[in-house]
Protein backbone atom coordinates (compact mmCIF):
# COMPACT_ATOMS: atom_id res chain seq x y z
CA UNK A 1 0.00 0.00 0.00
CA UNK A 2 1.23 3.47 -0.76
CA UNK A 3 1.30 5.93 2.09
CA UNK A 4 -1.17 8.80 1.84
CA UNK A 5 0.13 12.34 1.80
CA UNK A 6 -0.51 14.68 4.73
CA UNK A 7 -3.72 16.11 3.25
CA UNK A 8 -5.22 12.66 2.65
CA UNK A 9 -4.15 11.55 6.11
CA UNK A 10 -5.92 14.52 7.72
CA UNK A 11 -9.02 13.74 5.66
CA UNK A 12 -8.96 10.11 6.84
CA UNK A 13 -8.61 11.33 10.43
CA UNK A 14 -11.69 13.51 9.90
CA UNK A 15 -13.59 10.50 8.57
CA UNK A 16 -12.62 8.57 11.69
CA UNK A 17 -13.81 11.33 14.01
CA UNK A 18 -16.84 12.70 12.14
CA UNK A 19 -18.16 9.58 10.42
CA UNK A 20 -17.36 6.54 12.59
CA UNK A 21 -20.15 4.61 10.85
CA UNK A 22 -17.94 4.42 7.73
CA UNK A 23 -15.25 2.58 9.68
CA UNK A 24 -17.91 0.38 11.24
CA UNK A 25 -19.24 -0.47 7.77
CA UNK A 26 -15.75 -1.36 6.51
CA UNK A 27 -15.13 -3.56 9.56
CA UNK A 28 -18.50 -5.28 9.11
CA UNK A 29 -17.79 -5.84 5.42
CA UNK A 30 -14.35 -7.29 6.21
CA UNK A 31 -15.82 -9.66 8.79
CA UNK A 32 -18.48 -10.78 6.30
CA UNK A 33 -15.79 -11.52 3.72
CA UNK A 34 -13.77 -13.46 6.31
CA UNK A 35 -16.81 -15.48 7.40
CA UNK A 36 -17.70 -16.47 3.84
CA UNK A 37 -14.11 -17.25 2.87
CA UNK A 38 -14.21 -20.94 3.88
CA UNK A 39 -17.19 -21.60 1.61
CA UNK A 40 -15.78 -19.91 -1.50
CA UNK A 41 -15.41 -22.32 -4.39
CA UNK A 42 -14.28 -20.09 -7.25
CA UNK A 43 -11.46 -17.58 -7.02
CA UNK A 44 -10.42 -17.84 -3.37
CA UNK A 45 -7.52 -15.47 -4.03
CA UNK A 46 -9.93 -12.70 -4.98
CA UNK A 47 -11.79 -12.96 -1.70
CA UNK A 48 -8.52 -13.20 0.27
CA UNK A 49 -7.28 -10.06 -1.45
CA UNK A 50 -10.53 -8.28 -0.67
CA UNK A 51 -10.17 -9.23 3.00
CA UNK A 52 -6.60 -7.94 3.06
CA UNK A 53 -7.47 -4.63 1.41
CA UNK A 54 -10.44 -4.04 3.71
CA UNK A 55 -8.27 -4.84 6.73
CA UNK A 56 -5.54 -2.43 5.65
CA UNK A 57 -8.08 0.28 4.91
CA UNK A 58 -9.72 -0.12 8.31
CA UNK A 59 -6.32 -0.04 10.02
CA UNK A 60 -5.34 3.10 8.10
CA UNK A 61 -8.52 4.91 9.11
CA UNK A 62 -8.23 3.78 12.74
CA UNK A 63 -4.64 5.01 13.00
CA UNK A 64 -5.15 8.20 10.96
CA UNK A 65 -5.85 10.57 13.89
CA UNK A 66 -2.70 9.65 15.78
CA UNK A 67 -0.60 9.57 12.61
CA UNK A 68 -1.98 12.92 11.43
CA UNK A 69 -1.13 14.46 14.79
CA UNK A 70 2.52 13.53 14.26
CA UNK A 71 2.69 15.08 10.77
């Protein structure tokens, strides 16, 4: 994953603070993908990649306020 610039990082921090339901939605989506992963028949790699991207995105948004404060 590429690192966001300072402006994008501050925007992600604002999303975390002002719209926590977005992070909740991403976490719920990631958990759904993880729960359905064992039953996937076709293209398991696609679903694994989706889980990884959603996890990294959630982590980025969660850590954005503290990271933005350091920038």
